[in-house]
Amino acid sequence: MAGGHHRSVKIDPAIERWQAMHNSMYQRFRWTPKNTPSLLFFGLAVPAATLYLFSQTNSVWDWSGKTKDESLLAQPPKPAAEQ
């Protein structure tokens, strides 16, 4: 019924060349003055900033077993009457 349509899509040689070039892009990579700053930013600065932000909020929130009126903070501040 639905068989017999082998190669029903026309292959475009330009798209095939682009795909082959794109798939092997890492093999032709070179450190140049143009791409070095962006690589350092996205390869070092962004992960370092993410690590810093995550380390600052580590163990601050406690999501397990909280009800509607309870604070999500792991150590909620004490009410003014208890201080």
PDB file of N, CA and C in Angstrom:
ATOM      1  N   MET A   1       0.805  -1.197   0.000  1.00  0.00           N
ATOM      2  CA  MET A   1       0.000   0.000   0.000  1.00  0.00           C
ATOM      3  C   MET A   1       0.851   1.265   0.000  1.00  0.00           C
ATOM      4  N   ALA A   2       1.691   1.396   1.009  1.00  0.00           N
ATOM      5  CA  ALA A   2       2.438   2.632   1.130  1.00  0.00           C
ATOM      6  C   ALA A   2       3.901   2.464   0.753  1.00  0.00           C
ATOM      7  N   GLY A   3       4.261   1.354   0.199  1.00  0.00           N
ATOM      8  CA  GLY A   3       5.651   1.119  -0.138  1.00  0.00           C
ATOM      9  C   GLY A   3       5.993   1.551  -1.549  1.00  0.00           C
ATOM     10  N   GLY A   4       7.224   1.336  -1.964  1.00  0.00           N
ATOM     11  CA  GLY A   4       7.629   1.609  -3.317  1.00  0.00           C
ATOM     12  C   GLY A   4       8.019   3.048  -3.598  1.00  0.00           C
ATOM     13  N   HIS A   5       8.186   3.851  -2.592  1.00  0.00           N
ATOM     14  CA  HIS A   5       8.545   5.249  -2.813  1.00  0.00           C
ATOM     15  C   HIS A   5       9.978   5.516  -2.352  1.00  0.00           C
ATOM     16  N   HIS A   6      10.859   4.668  -2.767  1.00  0.00           N
ATOM     17  CA  HIS A   6      12.261   4.844  -2.398  1.00  0.00           C
ATOM     18  C   HIS A   6      12.815   6.077  -3.099  1.00  0.00           C
ATOM     19  N   ARG A   7      13.483   6.925  -2.364  1.00  0.00           N
ATOM     20  CA  ARG A   7      14.062   8.174  -2.875  1.00  0.00           C
ATOM     21  C   ARG A   7      12.995   9.116  -3.430  1.00  0.00           C
ATOM     22  N   SER A   8      11.902   9.253  -2.678  1.00  0.00           N
ATOM     23  CA  SER A   8      10.857  10.152  -3.145  1.00  0.00           C
ATOM     24  C   SER A   8      11.213  11.618  -2.895  1.00  0.00           C
ATOM     25  N   VAL A   9      12.249  11.868  -2.083  1.00  0.00           N
ATOM     26  CA  VAL A   9      12.682  13.228  -1.808  1.00  0.00           C
ATOM     27  C   VAL A   9      13.937  13.499  -2.639  1.00  0.00           C
ATOM     28  N   LYS A  10      13.923  14.605  -3.359  1.00  0.00           N
ATOM     29  CA  LYS A  10      15.075  14.951  -4.177  1.00  0.00           C
ATOM     30  C   LYS A  10      16.209  15.445  -3.282  1.00  0.00           C
ATOM     31  N   ILE A  11      17.394  14.907  -3.473  1.00  0.00           N
ATOM     32  CA  ILE A  11      18.556  15.262  -2.666  1.00  0.00           C
ATOM     33  C   ILE A  11      19.226  16.486  -3.266  1.00  0.00           C
ATOM     34  N   ASP A  12      19.443  17.479  -2.438  1.00  0.00           N
ATOM     35  CA  ASP A  12      20.099  18.719  -2.867  1.00  0.00           C
ATOM     36  C   ASP A  12      21.583  18.619  -2.515  1.00  0.00           C
ATOM     37  N   PRO A  13      22.482  18.667  -3.485  1.00  0.00           N
ATOM     38  CA  PRO A  13      23.911  18.537  -3.191  1.00  0.00           C
ATOM     39  C   PRO A  13      24.444  19.643  -2.282  1.00  0.00           C
ATOM     40  N   ALA A  14      23.902  20.852  -2.374  1.00  0.00           N
ATOM     41  CA  ALA A  14      24.375  21.946  -1.522  1.00  0.00           C
ATOM     42  C   ALA A  14      24.042  21.667  -0.059  1.00  0.00           C
ATOM     43  N   ILE A  15      22.857  21.147   0.195  1.00  0.00           N
ATOM     44  CA  ILE A  15      22.476  20.823   1.577  1.00  0.00           C
ATOM     45  C   ILE A  15      23.326  19.678   2.103  1.00  0.00           C
ATOM     46  N   GLU A  16      23.607  18.694   1.267  1.00  0.00           N
ATOM     47  CA  GLU A  16      24.448  17.577   1.688  1.00  0.00           C
ATOM     48  C   GLU A  16      25.868  18.043   2.013  1.00  0.00           C
ATOM     49  N   ARG A  17      26.431  18.961   1.215  1.00  0.00           N
ATOM     50  CA  ARG A  17      27.765  19.512   1.510  1.00  0.00           C
ATOM     51  C   ARG A  17      27.746  20.298   2.816  1.00  0.00           C
ATOM     52  N   TRP A  18      26.702  21.105   3.022  1.00  0.00           N
ATOM     53  CA  TRP A  18      26.612  21.890   4.250  1.00  0.00           C
ATOM     54  C   TRP A  18      26.515  20.963   5.457  1.00  0.00           C
ATOM     55  N   GLN A  19      25.729  19.900   5.342  1.00  0.00           N
ATOM     56  CA  GLN A  19      25.583  18.967   6.456  1.00  0.00           C
ATOM     57  C   GLN A  19      26.911  18.269   6.759  1.00  0.00           C
ATOM     58  N   ALA A  20      27.638  17.867   5.742  1.00  0.00           N
ATOM     59  CA  ALA A  20      28.937  17.230   5.957  1.00  0.00           C
ATOM     60  C   ALA A  20      29.911  18.205   6.604  1.00  0.00           C
ATOM     61  N   MET A  21      29.893  19.469   6.174  1.00  0.00           N
ATOM     62  CA  MET A  21      30.768  20.475   6.774  1.00  0.00           C
ATOM     63  C   MET A  21      30.371  20.729   8.234  1.00  0.00           C
ATOM     64  N   HIS A  22      29.073  20.807   8.492  1.00  0.00           N
ATOM     65  CA  HIS A  22      28.588  21.090   9.839  1.00  0.00           C
ATOM     66  C   HIS A  22      28.919  19.935  10.792  1.00  0.00           C
ATOM     67  N   ASN A  23      28.816  18.702  10.313  1.00  0.00           N
ATOM     68  CA  ASN A  23      29.083  17.543  11.160  1.00  0.00           C
ATOM     69  C   ASN A  23      30.560  17.391  11.509  1.00  0.00           C
ATOM     70  N   SER A  24      31.447  17.970  10.722  1.00  0.00           N
ATOM     71  CA  SER A  24      32.876  17.848  11.005  1.00  0.00           C
ATOM     72  C   SER A  24      33.483  19.196  11.417  1.00  0.00           C
ATOM     73  N   MET A  25      32.667  20.095  11.908  1.00  0.00           N
ATOM     74  CA  MET A  25      33.130  21.434  12.260  1.00  0.00           C
ATOM     75  C   MET A  25      34.195  21.404  13.364  1.00  0.00           C
ATOM     76  N   TYR A  26      34.042  20.519  14.330  1.00  0.00           N
ATOM     77  CA  TYR A  26      34.991  20.455  15.443  1.00  0.00           C
ATOM     78  C   TYR A  26      36.388  20.035  14.982  1.00  0.00           C
ATOM     79  N   GLN A  27      36.485  19.339  13.855  1.00  0.00           N
ATOM     80  CA  GLN A  27      37.785  18.894  13.359  1.00  0.00           C
ATOM     81  C   GLN A  27      38.581  20.027  12.721  1.00  0.00           C
ATOM     82  N   ARG A  28      37.899  21.072  12.282  1.00  0.00           N
ATOM     83  CA  ARG A  28      38.572  22.195  11.632  1.00  0.00           C
ATOM     84  C   ARG A  28      38.677  23.417  12.529  1.00  0.00           C
ATOM     85  N   PHE A  29      38.376  23.276  13.817  1.00  0.00           N
ATOM     86  CA  PHE A  29      38.375  24.430  14.720  1.00  0.00           C
ATOM     87  C   PHE A  29      39.791  24.951  14.937  1.00  0.00           C
ATOM     88  N   ARG A  30      39.925  26.287  14.984  1.00  0.00           N
ATOM     89  CA  ARG A  30      41.205  26.934  15.293  1.00  0.00           C
ATOM     90  C   ARG A  30      40.955  28.069  16.264  1.00  0.00           C
ATOM     91  N   TRP A  31      41.891  28.253  17.191  1.00  0.00           N
ATOM     92  CA  TRP A  31      41.821  29.394  18.114  1.00  0.00           C
ATOM     93  C   TRP A  31      42.269  30.635  17.358  1.00  0.00           C
ATOM     94  N   THR A  32      41.363  31.550  17.152  1.00  0.00           N
ATOM     95  CA  THR A  32      41.682  32.793  16.470  1.00  0.00           C
ATOM     96  C   THR A  32      41.300  33.957  17.380  1.00  0.00           C
ATOM     97  N   PRO A  33      41.823  35.149  17.123  1.00  0.00           N
ATOM     98  CA  PRO A  33      41.446  36.305  17.943  1.00  0.00           C
ATOM     99  C   PRO A  33      39.950  36.619  17.863  1.00  0.00           C
ATOM    100  N   LYS A  34      39.297  36.173  16.806  1.00  0.00           N
ATOM    101  CA  LYS A  34      37.871  36.463  16.661  1.00  0.00           C
ATOM    102  C   LYS A  34      37.005  35.579  17.565  1.00  0.00           C
ATOM    103  N   ASN A  35      37.330  34.286  17.692  1.00  0.00           N
ATOM    104  CA  ASN A  35      36.462  33.416  18.466  1.00  0.00           C
ATOM    105  C   ASN A  35      36.943  33.146  19.886  1.00  0.00           C
ATOM    106  N   THR A  36      38.142  33.550  20.237  1.00  0.00           N
ATOM    107  CA  THR A  36      38.661  33.293  21.576  1.00  0.00           C
ATOM    108  C   THR A  36      37.872  33.998  22.683  1.00  0.00           C
ATOM    109  N   PRO A  37      37.537  35.290  22.575  1.00  0.00           N
ATOM    110  CA  PRO A  37      36.791  35.923  23.675  1.00  0.00           C
ATOM    111  C   PRO A  37      35.423  35.290  23.931  1.00  0.00           C
ATOM    112  N   SER A  38      34.695  34.970  22.883  1.00  0.00           N
ATOM    113  CA  SER A  38      33.376  34.371  23.100  1.00  0.00           C
ATOM    114  C   SER A  38      33.502  32.968  23.682  1.00  0.00           C
ATOM    115  N   LEU A  39      34.505  32.215  23.265  1.00  0.00           N
ATOM    116  CA  LEU A  39      34.699  30.878  23.820  1.00  0.00           C
ATOM    117  C   LEU A  39      35.091  30.941  25.293  1.00  0.00           C
ATOM    118  N   LEU A  40      35.941  31.887  25.644  1.00  0.00           N
ATOM    119  CA  LEU A  40      36.309  32.025  27.046  1.00  0.00           C
ATOM    120  C   LEU A  40      35.119  32.474  27.889  1.00  0.00           C
ATOM    121  N   PHE A  41      34.300  33.369  27.339  1.00  0.00           N
ATOM    122  CA  PHE A  41      33.139  33.833  28.080  1.00  0.00           C
ATOM    123  C   PHE A  41      32.153  32.694  28.312  1.00  0.00           C
ATOM    124  N   PHE A  42      31.755  32.004  27.234  1.00  0.00           N
ATOM    125  CA  PHE A  42      30.762  30.948  27.365  1.00  0.00           C
ATOM    126  C   PHE A  42      31.336  29.659  27.935  1.00  0.00           C
ATOM    127  N   GLY A  43      32.644  29.481  27.872  1.00  0.00           N
ATOM    128  CA  GLY A  43      33.263  28.271  28.395  1.00  0.00           C
ATOM    129  C   GLY A  43      33.761  28.397  29.819  1.00  0.00           C
ATOM    130  N   LEU A  44      34.056  29.621  30.277  1.00  0.00           N
ATOM    131  CA  LEU A  44      34.576  29.799  31.634  1.00  0.00           C
ATOM    132  C   LEU A  44      33.708  30.725  32.490  1.00  0.00           C
ATOM    133  N   ALA A  45      33.361  31.889  31.965  1.00  0.00           N
ATOM    134  CA  ALA A  45      32.644  32.881  32.770  1.00  0.00           C
ATOM    135  C   ALA A  45      31.216  32.451  33.083  1.00  0.00           C
ATOM    136  N   VAL A  46      30.491  31.962  32.112  1.00  0.00           N
ATOM    137  CA  VAL A  46      29.104  31.553  32.347  1.00  0.00           C
ATOM    138  C   VAL A  46      29.037  30.359  33.308  1.00  0.00           C
ATOM    139  N   PRO A  47      29.826  29.293  33.123  1.00  0.00           N
ATOM    140  CA  PRO A  47      29.786  28.202  34.100  1.00  0.00           C
ATOM    141  C   PRO A  47      30.242  28.642  35.504  1.00  0.00           C
ATOM    142  N   ALA A  48      31.226  29.522  35.580  1.00  0.00           N
ATOM    143  CA  ALA A  48      31.680  29.990  36.894  1.00  0.00           C
ATOM    144  C   ALA A  48      30.598  30.811  37.587  1.00  0.00           C
ATOM    145  N   ALA A  49      29.905  31.664  36.837  1.00  0.00           N
ATOM    146  CA  ALA A  49      28.817  32.449  37.428  1.00  0.00           C
ATOM    147  C   ALA A  49      27.666  31.544  37.857  1.00  0.00           C
ATOM    148  N   THR A  50      27.366  30.536  37.074  1.00  0.00           N
ATOM    149  CA  THR A  50      26.312  29.588  37.435  1.00  0.00           C
ATOM    150  C   THR A  50      26.685  28.813  38.687  1.00  0.00           C
ATOM    151  N   LEU A  51      27.918  28.359  38.768  1.00  0.00           N
ATOM    152  CA  LEU A  51      28.384  27.647  39.960  1.00  0.00           C
ATOM    153  C   LEU A  51      28.302  28.536  41.190  1.00  0.00           C
ATOM    154  N   TYR A  52      28.698  29.798  41.058  1.00  0.00           N
ATOM    155  CA  TYR A  52      28.640  30.727  42.176  1.00  0.00           C
ATOM    156  C   TYR A  52      27.198  30.933  42.643  1.00  0.00           C
ATOM    157  N   LEU A  53      26.283  31.148  41.707  1.00  0.00           N
ATOM    158  CA  LEU A  53      24.881  31.358  42.080  1.00  0.00           C
ATOM    159  C   LEU A  53      24.285  30.125  42.745  1.00  0.00           C
ATOM    160  N   PHE A  54      24.594  28.941  42.216  1.00  0.00           N
ATOM    161  CA  PHE A  54      24.067  27.722  42.813  1.00  0.00           C
ATOM    162  C   PHE A  54      24.677  27.460  44.178  1.00  0.00           C
ATOM    163  N   SER A  55      25.941  27.789  44.360  1.00  0.00           N
ATOM    164  CA  SER A  55      26.559  27.553  45.664  1.00  0.00           C
ATOM    165  C   SER A  55      26.028  28.518  46.725  1.00  0.00           C
ATOM    166  N   GLN A  56      25.579  29.695  46.313  1.00  0.00           N
ATOM    167  CA  GLN A  56      25.018  30.651  47.266  1.00  0.00           C
ATOM    168  C   GLN A  56      23.629  30.236  47.740  1.00  0.00           C
ATOM    169  N   THR A  57      22.896  29.481  46.949  1.00  0.00           N
ATOM    170  CA  THR A  57      21.551  29.066  47.334  1.00  0.00           C
ATOM    171  C   THR A  57      21.494  27.611  47.763  1.00  0.00           C
ATOM    172  N   ASN A  58      22.642  26.949  47.899  1.00  0.00           N
ATOM    173  CA  ASN A  58      22.673  25.556  48.329  1.00  0.00           C
ATOM    174  C   ASN A  58      22.183  25.449  49.770  1.00  0.00           C
ATOM    175  N   SER A  59      21.297  24.547  50.035  1.00  0.00           N
ATOM    176  CA  SER A  59      20.726  24.274  51.365  1.00  0.00           C
ATOM    177  C   SER A  59      19.926  25.453  51.913  1.00  0.00           C
ATOM    178  N   VAL A  60      19.456  26.341  51.085  1.00  0.00           N
ATOM    179  CA  VAL A  60      18.625  27.455  51.546  1.00  0.00           C
ATOM    180  C   VAL A  60      17.152  27.062  51.485  1.00  0.00           C
ATOM    181  N   TRP A  61      16.773  26.296  50.459  1.00  0.00           N
ATOM    182  CA  TRP A  61      15.382  25.928  50.264  1.00  0.00           C
ATOM    183  C   TRP A  61      15.162  24.478  50.651  1.00  0.00           C
ATOM    184  N   ASP A  62      13.996  24.208  51.253  1.00  0.00           N
ATOM    185  CA  ASP A  62      13.613  22.854  51.627  1.00  0.00           C
ATOM    186  C   ASP A  62      12.206  22.621  51.105  1.00  0.00           C
ATOM    187  N   TRP A  63      12.096  21.830  50.048  1.00  0.00           N
ATOM    188  CA  TRP A  63      10.816  21.636  49.380  1.00  0.00           C
ATOM    189  C   TRP A  63      10.068  20.419  49.901  1.00  0.00           C
ATOM    190  N   SER A  64      10.689  19.576  50.699  1.00  0.00           N
ATOM    191  CA  SER A  64      10.058  18.307  51.071  1.00  0.00           C
ATOM    192  C   SER A  64       9.062  18.485  52.220  1.00  0.00           C
ATOM    193  N   GLY A  65       7.871  18.001  52.010  1.00  0.00           N
ATOM    194  CA  GLY A  65       6.852  17.938  53.053  1.00  0.00           C
ATOM    195  C   GLY A  65       6.361  19.275  53.564  1.00  0.00           C
ATOM    196  N   LYS A  66       6.312  20.276  52.748  1.00  0.00           N
ATOM    197  CA  LYS A  66       5.847  21.588  53.187  1.00  0.00           C
ATOM    198  C   LYS A  66       4.351  21.725  52.914  1.00  0.00           C
ATOM    199  N   THR A  67       3.668  22.370  53.843  1.00  0.00           N
ATOM    200  CA  THR A  67       2.253  22.653  53.630  1.00  0.00           C
ATOM    201  C   THR A  67       2.101  24.076  53.121  1.00  0.00           C
ATOM    202  N   LYS A  68       0.868  24.476  52.911  1.00  0.00           N
ATOM    203  CA  LYS A  68       0.605  25.771  52.299  1.00  0.00           C
ATOM    204  C   LYS A  68       1.109  26.934  53.147  1.00  0.00           C
ATOM    205  N   ASP A  69       1.005  26.856  54.443  1.00  0.00           N
ATOM    206  CA  ASP A  69       1.363  27.968  55.318  1.00  0.00           C
ATOM    207  C   ASP A  69       2.806  27.929  55.807  1.00  0.00           C
ATOM    208  N   GLU A  70       3.562  26.889  55.490  1.00  0.00           N
ATOM    209  CA  GLU A  70       4.946  26.784  55.953  1.00  0.00           C
ATOM    210  C   GLU A  70       5.898  27.472  54.974  1.00  0.00           C
ATOM    211  N   SER A  71       6.979  27.986  55.517  1.00  0.00           N
ATOM    212  CA  SER A  71       7.989  28.646  54.705  1.00  0.00           C
ATOM    213  C   SER A  71       8.823  27.601  53.966  1.00  0.00           C
ATOM    214  N   LEU A  72       9.258  27.923  52.756  1.00  0.00           N
ATOM    215  CA  LEU A  72      10.119  27.028  51.997  1.00  0.00           C
ATOM    216  C   LEU A  72      11.586  27.162  52.393  1.00  0.00           C
ATOM    217  N   LEU A  73      11.906  28.126  53.229  1.00  0.00           N
ATOM    218  CA  LEU A  73      13.281  28.278  53.689  1.00  0.00           C
ATOM    219  C   LEU A  73      13.656  27.111  54.593  1.00  0.00           C
ATOM    220  N   ALA A  74      14.898  26.632  54.491  1.00  0.00           N
ATOM    221  CA  ALA A  74      15.353  25.533  55.332  1.00  0.00           C
ATOM    222  C   ALA A  74      15.406  25.964  56.791  1.00  0.00           C
ATOM    223  N   GLN A  75      15.792  27.213  57.056  1.00  0.00           N
ATOM    224  CA  GLN A  75      15.806  27.771  58.404  1.00  0.00           C
ATOM    225  C   GLN A  75      15.019  29.073  58.376  1.00  0.00           C
ATOM    226  N   PRO A  76      13.688  28.990  58.544  1.00  0.00           N
ATOM    227  CA  PRO A  76      12.878  30.204  58.448  1.00  0.00           C
ATOM    228  C   PRO A  76      13.199  31.178  59.564  1.00  0.00           C
ATOM    229  N   PRO A  77      13.045  32.475  59.314  1.00  0.00           N
ATOM    230  CA  PRO A  77      13.294  33.455  60.374  1.00  0.00           C
ATOM    231  C   PRO A  77      12.263  33.319  61.486  1.00  0.00           C
ATOM    232  N   LYS A  78      12.707  33.591  62.695  1.00  0.00           N
ATOM    233  CA  LYS A  78      11.809  33.476  63.847  1.00  0.00           C
ATOM    234  C   LYS A  78      10.869  34.688  63.888  1.00  0.00           C
ATOM    235  N   PRO A  79       9.646  34.476  64.337  1.00  0.00           N
ATOM    236  CA  PRO A  79       8.720  35.609  64.473  1.00  0.00           C
ATOM    237  C   PRO A  79       9.261  36.641  65.464  1.00  0.00           C
ATOM    238  N   ALA A  80       8.804  37.873  65.345  1.00  0.00           N
ATOM    239  CA  ALA A  80       9.308  38.970  66.168  1.00  0.00           C
ATOM    240  C   ALA A  80       9.024  38.736  67.649  1.00  0.00           C
ATOM    241  N   ALA A  81       7.964  38.010  68.008  1.00  0.00           N
ATOM    242  CA  ALA A  81       7.605  37.785  69.408  1.00  0.00           C
ATOM    243  C   ALA A  81       8.607  36.853  70.080  1.00  0.00           C
ATOM    244  N   GLU A  82       9.238  35.916  69.362  1.00  0.00           N
ATOM    245  CA  GLU A  82      10.160  34.965  69.964  1.00  0.00           C
ATOM    246  C   GLU A  82      11.570  35.526  70.125  1.00  0.00           C
ATOM    247  N   GLN A  83      11.883  36.610  69.492  1.00  0.00           N
ATOM    248  CA  GLN A  83      13.237  37.143  69.559  1.00  0.00           C
ATOM    249  C   GLN A  83      13.385  37.877  70.810  1.00  0.00           C
TER     250      GLN A  83
END
